[in-house]
C-alpha atoms as a PDB file:
ATOM      1  CA  MET A   1     283.339 138.796 210.571  1.00  0.00           C
ATOM      2  CA  ASN A   2     282.321 136.906 207.494  1.00  0.00           C
ATOM      3  CA  LEU A   3     285.698 137.164 205.681  1.00  0.00           C
ATOM      4  CA  VAL A   4     287.558 135.666 208.366  1.00  0.00           C
ATOM      5  CA  ALA A   5     284.452 133.014 209.165  1.00  0.00           C
ATOM      6  CA  ASN A   6     285.018 132.122 205.368  1.00  0.00           C
ATOM      7  CA  GLY A   7     288.715 131.629 206.165  1.00  0.00           C
ATOM      8  CA  LEU A   8     288.587 129.554 208.524  1.00  0.00           C
ATOM      9  CA  HIS A   9     285.927 127.504 206.949  1.00  0.00           C
ATOM     10  CA  ALA A  10     288.371 127.313 203.265  1.00  0.00           C
ATOM     11  CA  ALA A  11     291.424 126.951 205.706  1.00  0.00           C
ATOM     12  CA  GLY A  12     290.677 124.012 207.519  1.00  0.00           C
ATOM     13  CA  PRO A  13     292.404 122.977 210.793  1.00  0.00           C
ATOM     14  CA  GLU A  14     295.696 122.361 209.462  1.00  0.00           C
ATOM     15  CA  GLY A  15     295.719 125.568 207.281  1.00  0.00           C
ATOM     16  CA  SER A  16     296.161 129.722 208.657  1.00  0.00           C
ATOM     17  CA  VAL A  17     293.837 132.685 208.167  1.00  0.00           C
ATOM     18  CA  GLY A  18     295.563 136.319 209.207  1.00  0.00           C
ATOM     19  CA  VAL A  19     294.481 139.672 208.776  1.00  0.00           C
ATOM     20  CA  ALA A  20     296.631 142.792 208.033  1.00  0.00           C
ATOM     21  CA  TRP A  21     296.041 146.484 208.212  1.00  0.00           C
ATOM     22  CA  SER A  22     298.008 149.310 206.531  1.00  0.00           C
ATOM     23  CA  HIS A  23     298.186 152.728 206.324  1.00  0.00           C
ATOM     24  CA  GLY A  24     299.456 155.638 204.492  1.00  0.00           C
ATOM     25  CA  GLY A  25     298.396 158.891 202.655  1.00  0.00           C
ATOM     26  CA  SER A  26     295.879 157.692 200.251  1.00  0.00           C
ATOM     27  CA  GLY A  27     293.840 155.468 202.762  1.00  0.00           C
ATOM     28  CA  ALA A  28     294.054 152.213 204.486  1.00  0.00           C
ATOM     29  CA  GLU A  29     293.737 148.589 203.506  1.00  0.00           C
ATOM     30  CA  LEU A  30     292.290 145.934 205.500  1.00  0.00           C
ATOM     31  CA  VAL A  31     293.389 142.347 204.021  1.00  0.00           C
ATOM     32  CA  VAL A  32     291.836 139.233 205.494  1.00  0.00           C
ATOM     33  CA  TRP A  33     293.522 136.010 203.688  1.00  0.00           C
ATOM     34  CA  ASP A  34     293.572 132.537 204.245  1.00  0.00           C
ATOM     35  CA  SER A  35     295.673 129.790 203.155  1.00  0.00           C
ATOM     36  CA  GLY A  36     292.936 127.214 201.753  1.00  0.00           C
ATOM     37  CA  PRO A  37     292.826 125.985 198.318  1.00  0.00           C
ATOM     38  CA  GLY A  38     290.620 129.254 196.493  1.00  0.00           C
ATOM     39  CA  PHE A  39     289.072 130.070 193.893  1.00  0.00           C
ATOM     40  CA  GLU A  40     289.695 129.461 190.267  1.00  0.00           C
ATOM     41  CA  GLY A  41     288.235 131.758 187.521  1.00  0.00           C
ATOM     42  CA  ASP A  42     287.001 135.520 188.019  1.00  0.00           C
ATOM     43  CA  ALA A  43     287.363 136.728 191.591  1.00  0.00           C
ATOM     44  CA  ALA A  44     284.017 139.500 190.799  1.00  0.00           C
ATOM     45  CA  ARG A  45     281.802 136.622 190.390  1.00  0.00           C
ATOM     46  CA  LEU A  46     282.660 135.437 194.172  1.00  0.00           C
ATOM     47  CA  PHE A  47     280.523 138.951 195.532  1.00  0.00           C
ATOM     48  CA  ALA A  48     277.608 137.994 192.946  1.00  0.00           C
ATOM     49  CA  PRO A  49     274.298 136.704 194.784  1.00  0.00           C
ATOM     50  CA  TRP A  50     273.243 133.123 195.377  1.00  0.00           C
ATOM     51  CA  TYR A  51     277.188 132.107 193.843  1.00  0.00           C
ATOM     52  CA  THR A  52     279.022 129.793 196.479  1.00  0.00           C
ATOM     53  CA  THR A  53     281.730 127.447 196.120  1.00  0.00           C
ATOM     54  CA  LYS A  54     280.495 125.795 198.973  1.00  0.00           C
ATOM     55  CA  PRO A  55     278.245 122.484 199.374  1.00  0.00           C
ATOM     56  CA  LYS A  56     275.947 123.774 201.865  1.00  0.00           C
ATOM     57  CA  GLY A  57     276.705 127.741 201.262  1.00  0.00           C
ATOM     58  CA  THR A  58     274.123 130.260 200.313  1.00  0.00           C
ATOM     59  CA  GLY A  59     276.031 132.499 198.263  1.00  0.00           C
ATOM     60  CA  LEU A  60     275.096 135.495 200.578  1.00  0.00           C
ATOM     61  CA  GLY A  61     277.913 135.911 202.671  1.00  0.00           C
ATOM     62  CA  LEU A  62     280.261 137.806 200.203  1.00  0.00           C
ATOM     63  CA  ALA A  63     277.615 139.542 198.479  1.00  0.00           C
ATOM     64  CA  ILE A  64     276.369 141.195 201.491  1.00  0.00           C
ATOM     65  CA  THR A  65     280.268 141.921 202.907  1.00  0.00           C
ATOM     66  CA  HIS A  66     280.339 143.348 199.552  1.00  0.00           C
ATOM     67  CA  ARG A  67     277.440 145.603 199.580  1.00  0.00           C
ATOM     68  CA  LEU A  68     278.288 146.493 203.227  1.00  0.00           C
ATOM     69  CA  VAL A  69     281.974 147.985 201.950  1.00  0.00           C
ATOM     70  CA  ARG A  70     280.989 149.628 198.689  1.00  0.00           C
ATOM     71  CA  SER A  71     277.946 151.664 201.198  1.00  0.00           C
ATOM     72  CA  HIS A  72     281.088 153.046 203.008  1.00  0.00           C
ATOM     73  CA  GLY A  73     282.537 153.769 199.935  1.00  0.00           C
ATOM     74  CA  TRP A  74     284.946 151.303 199.788  1.00  0.00           C
ATOM     75  CA  SER A  75     286.163 148.709 197.506  1.00  0.00           C
ATOM     76  CA  ILE A  76     286.874 145.122 197.938  1.00  0.00           C
ATOM     77  CA  THR A  77     288.819 142.843 196.065  1.00  0.00           C
ATOM     78  CA  ALA A  78     289.792 138.961 195.929  1.00  0.00           C
ATOM     79  CA  GLN A  79     292.734 137.707 194.430  1.00  0.00           C
ATOM     80  CA  ARG A  80     294.977 134.211 194.935  1.00  0.00           C
ATOM     81  CA  ARG A  81     298.674 135.288 195.673  1.00  0.00           C
ATOM     82  CA  ASP A  82     301.434 133.115 196.925  1.00  0.00           C
ATOM     83  CA  ASN A  83     299.230 129.966 197.555  1.00  0.00           C
ATOM     84  CA  ARG A  84     296.356 132.647 200.028  1.00  0.00           C
ATOM     85  CA  THR A  85     293.485 133.848 198.999  1.00  0.00           C
ATOM     86  CA  MET A  86     293.283 136.924 199.795  1.00  0.00           C
ATOM     87  CA  PHE A  87     290.076 139.818 200.521  1.00  0.00           C
ATOM     88  CA  LEU A  88     291.622 143.396 200.036  1.00  0.00           C
ATOM     89  CA  ILE A  89     289.412 146.073 201.389  1.00  0.00           C
ATOM     90  CA  ALA A  90     290.337 149.214 200.256  1.00  0.00           C
ATOM     91  CA  ILE A  91     289.394 152.475 202.771  1.00  0.00           C
ATOM     92  CA  ARG A  92     289.286 156.396 201.798  1.00  0.00           C
ATOM     93  CA  ALA A  93     291.811 158.523 203.563  1.00  0.00           C
ATOM     94  CA  GLU A  94     288.845 160.962 204.878  1.00  0.00           C
ATOM     95  CA  ASP A  95     287.648 157.472 206.805  1.00  0.00           C
ATOM     96  CA  VAL A  96     290.782 156.483 208.756  1.00  0.00           C
ATOM     97  CA  ILE A  97     291.694 158.648 211.648  1.00  0.00           C
ATOM     98  CA  LEU A  98     295.215 158.838 212.471  1.00  0.00           C
ATOM     99  CA  ARG A  99     296.385 158.435 216.413  1.00  0.00           C
ATOM    100  CA  ARG A 100     299.683 159.312 218.210  1.00  0.00           C
ATOM    101  CA  GLU A 101     299.475 156.949 221.108  1.00  0.00           C
ATOM    102  CA  HIS A 102     302.043 158.155 222.882  1.00  0.00           C
ATOM    103  CA  ASP A 103     304.113 161.455 222.859  1.00  0.00           C
ATOM    104  CA  GLY A 104     307.363 161.527 220.819  1.00  0.00           C
ATOM    105  CA  ASP A 105     305.615 158.195 218.493  1.00  0.00           C
ATOM    106  CA  ARG A 106     307.007 158.483 215.220  1.00  0.00           C
ATOM    107  CA  ASN A 107     304.746 155.743 214.256  1.00  0.00           C
ATOM    108  CA  PRO A 108     301.335 156.898 214.228  1.00  0.00           C
ATOM    109  CA  SER A 109     298.225 154.337 214.874  1.00  0.00           C
ATOM    110  CA  ALA A 110     295.052 154.007 212.493  1.00  0.00           C
ATOM    111  CA  GLU A 111     291.436 153.275 212.936  1.00  0.00           C
ATOM    112  CA  VAL A 112     288.443 153.560 210.712  1.00  0.00           C
ATOM    113  CA  ALA A 113     286.112 156.467 211.801  1.00  0.00           C
END
């Protein structure tokens, strides 16, 4: 939720925010992106407590998100690509459950355990 809320704030009323999900044999990836102005410098510092790019931010939202993601044994990275700020969460294969929604479905859906 924090990543989507940050994206909505960064993108503003004219921008875009999106969430993408993909899965494969090595796990899954959840991506939250926005079309806001982005960040400059080392992306890793975005997850440091008390670091903020917002005038009224506390600098705790991404630090807490980072801690929650890491507590599951997953990883999170930030990058700027194609005029989008992207937060990528890599989820371990053992934490992804594949399900067949319908008999004969060739494309199983996935969810996080």
